[in-house]
Protein backbone atom coordinates (compact mmCIF):
# COMPACT_ATOMS: atom_id res chain seq x y z
CA MET A 1 -228.91 84.11 103.44
CA ALA A 2 -229.29 87.43 105.23
CA LYS A 3 -227.89 90.59 103.70
CA HIS A 4 -224.87 92.17 105.42
CA GLY A 5 -226.11 94.21 108.42
CA ALA A 6 -229.66 92.86 108.22
CA VAL A 7 -231.28 91.56 111.38
CA PRO A 8 -232.88 88.15 110.90
CA ASP A 9 -236.64 88.17 111.33
CA GLU A 10 -238.74 85.47 112.95
CA ARG A 11 -238.00 83.15 110.01
CA GLY A 12 -234.27 83.78 110.43
CA ASP A 13 -233.64 84.78 106.79
CA GLY A 14 -233.29 88.55 107.16
CA ALA A 15 -236.15 89.25 104.78
CA SER A 16 -238.17 92.27 105.76
CA GLY A 17 -241.02 90.36 107.26
CA GLY A 18 -241.47 92.62 110.26
CA GLY A 19 -238.64 91.53 112.55
CA GLU A 20 -236.36 94.42 111.64
CA HIS A 21 -236.39 97.89 113.18
CA ARG A 22 -234.80 100.87 111.56
CA ARG A 23 -232.97 103.31 113.81
CA GLY A 24 -235.42 105.79 115.37
CA GLU A 25 -238.42 103.67 114.38
CA SER A 26 -240.99 103.16 117.10
CA ARG A 27 -240.95 99.81 118.84
CA ALA A 28 -244.33 100.36 120.42
CA ARG A 29 -245.54 96.83 119.81
CA ASP A 30 -242.46 95.44 121.63
CA ALA A 31 -242.55 97.91 124.54
CA ALA A 32 -244.17 97.23 127.89
CA PRO A 33 -247.20 99.38 128.70
CA LEU A 34 -246.53 102.61 130.57
CA ARG A 35 -247.28 102.69 134.27
CA THR A 36 -247.87 105.44 136.81
CA VAL A 37 -244.74 106.61 138.62
CA ARG A 38 -245.06 106.97 142.38
CA GLY A 39 -243.62 110.11 143.96
CA LYS A 40 -244.05 112.22 140.85
CA ALA A 41 -244.29 115.95 141.64
CA LYS A 42 -247.80 117.31 141.36
CA SER A 43 -248.46 120.02 138.81
CA GLU A 44 -250.62 121.88 141.33
CA GLY A 45 -250.76 122.16 145.10
CA PRO A 46 -248.27 122.94 147.85
CA LEU A 47 -245.64 120.47 146.58
CA ALA A 48 -245.56 121.81 143.02
CA LEU A 49 -242.83 124.08 141.71
CA ASP A 50 -244.01 127.55 140.74
CA ARG A 51 -243.86 127.08 136.97
CA LEU A 52 -244.06 130.83 136.45
CA ILE A 53 -240.74 131.29 138.27
CA HIS A 54 -239.07 128.05 137.16
CA GLU A 55 -238.44 129.24 133.57
CA ARG A 56 -234.82 130.41 133.17
CA ILE A 57 -235.36 134.04 132.15
CA ARG A 58 -238.08 134.66 134.74
CA LEU A 59 -235.95 133.05 137.46
CA GLY A 60 -233.08 135.32 136.40
CA ILE A 61 -235.30 138.41 136.55
CA LEU A 62 -236.53 137.60 140.06
CA SER A 63 -233.03 136.68 141.25
CA ALA A 64 -231.63 140.00 140.05
CA LEU A 65 -234.50 141.99 141.52
CA ALA A 66 -234.33 140.18 144.87
CA ALA A 67 -230.72 141.35 145.24
CA THR A 68 -231.38 145.07 144.70
CA ASP A 69 -234.09 147.73 144.80
CA ALA A 70 -234.60 148.17 141.05
CA VAL A 71 -232.97 147.13 137.77
CA SER A 72 -233.36 148.83 134.41
CA PHE A 73 -234.62 146.98 131.35
CA ASN A 74 -231.26 147.39 129.59
CA ASP A 75 -229.29 146.11 132.60
CA LEU A 76 -231.56 143.05 132.86
CA LYS A 77 -231.20 142.42 129.14
CA LYS A 78 -227.39 142.47 129.41
CA LEU A 79 -227.34 140.43 132.61
CA LEU A 80 -229.58 137.70 131.19
CA ALA A 81 -228.07 137.83 127.68
CA THR A 82 -231.48 137.92 126.04
CA THR A 83 -233.33 139.98 123.45
CA ASP A 84 -235.69 142.91 123.98
CA GLY A 85 -238.70 140.88 122.91
CA ASN A 86 -237.86 137.86 125.05
CA LEU A 87 -237.26 139.98 128.15
CA SER A 88 -240.46 141.97 127.55
CA VAL A 89 -242.62 138.84 127.31
CA HIS A 90 -241.18 137.25 130.45
CA ALA A 91 -241.29 140.49 132.45
CA ARG A 92 -244.92 140.98 131.41
CA LYS A 93 -245.85 137.52 132.73
CA LEU A 94 -244.22 138.30 136.08
CA GLU A 95 -245.92 141.69 136.16
CA GLU A 96 -249.34 140.14 135.44
CA ALA A 97 -248.78 137.76 138.37
CA ASN A 98 -247.94 140.79 140.56
CA TYR A 99 -244.42 139.41 141.19
CA ILE A 100 -242.70 142.51 139.80
CA ALA A 101 -243.60 146.15 139.27
CA CYS A 102 -242.66 148.17 136.20
CA THR A 103 -241.92 151.89 136.39
CA LYS A 104 -241.53 153.93 133.20
CA SER A 105 -239.93 157.35 133.22
CA PHE A 106 -237.69 159.64 131.22
CA GLU A 107 -234.06 160.40 131.96
CA ASN A 108 -232.64 163.24 129.83
CA ARG A 109 -235.55 162.76 127.42
CA VAL A 110 -234.69 159.07 127.02
CA PRO A 111 -237.31 156.53 128.10
CA LYS A 112 -236.25 154.42 131.07
CA THR A 113 -238.00 151.24 132.24
CA GLU A 114 -237.17 149.87 135.67
CA TYR A 115 -238.39 146.78 137.43
CA SER A 116 -238.62 145.99 141.11
CA ILE A 117 -239.80 142.94 143.01
CA THR A 118 -243.14 143.25 144.84
CA PRO A 119 -243.84 141.82 148.32
CA ALA A 120 -245.90 139.05 146.66
CA GLY A 121 -243.02 138.36 144.27
CA ARG A 122 -240.53 138.17 147.13
CA ARG A 123 -242.76 135.68 148.99
CA ALA A 124 -243.18 133.56 145.85
CA PHE A 125 -239.43 133.66 145.20
CA GLU A 126 -238.67 132.62 148.81
CA ARG A 127 -241.15 129.73 148.53
CA TYR A 128 -239.50 128.68 145.27
CA LEU A 129 -236.02 128.77 146.83
CA ASP A 130 -237.23 126.81 149.87
CA HIS A 131 -238.71 124.17 147.57
CA MET A 132 -235.52 123.90 145.50
CA GLU A 133 -233.39 123.64 148.68
CA ALA A 134 -235.65 120.82 149.94
CA LEU A 135 -235.26 118.98 146.62
CA ILE A 136 -231.49 119.35 146.79
CA ARG A 137 -231.36 118.09 150.38
CA ALA A 138 -233.54 115.10 149.49
CA ALA A 139 -231.35 114.24 146.50
CA ARG A 140 -228.16 114.42 148.58
CA GLU A 141 -229.60 112.20 151.29
CA ARG A 142 -230.15 109.31 148.85
């Protein structure tokens, strides 16, 4: 007789002969093989999202900079609710891609870092927005 809660195996007696699966345990031997999905977005090429921009903090940086001439490091940090280190890393990636420019100066002997969007960054941001709008339109048409 099977124990309470036990799933009967092939023999039907509930003994752990391989018919049971614990929660979270892989069922690879029972699963169908994976197949290629048609229509999957390419990771490169004109149909691919700009992965550099798509990350939340970097998208927030470009969005803020597209709306104004320049934004200080501290204002971006508050706006995006992130840490100094996190903002620095993401801003550096955008700067290395020539999407933003960083200007460092002093104001009343206090260092001030400001960022602005470059023409290349504005073009990349517009392409990204166009792509997202096309995805939204396509999803709504279904």
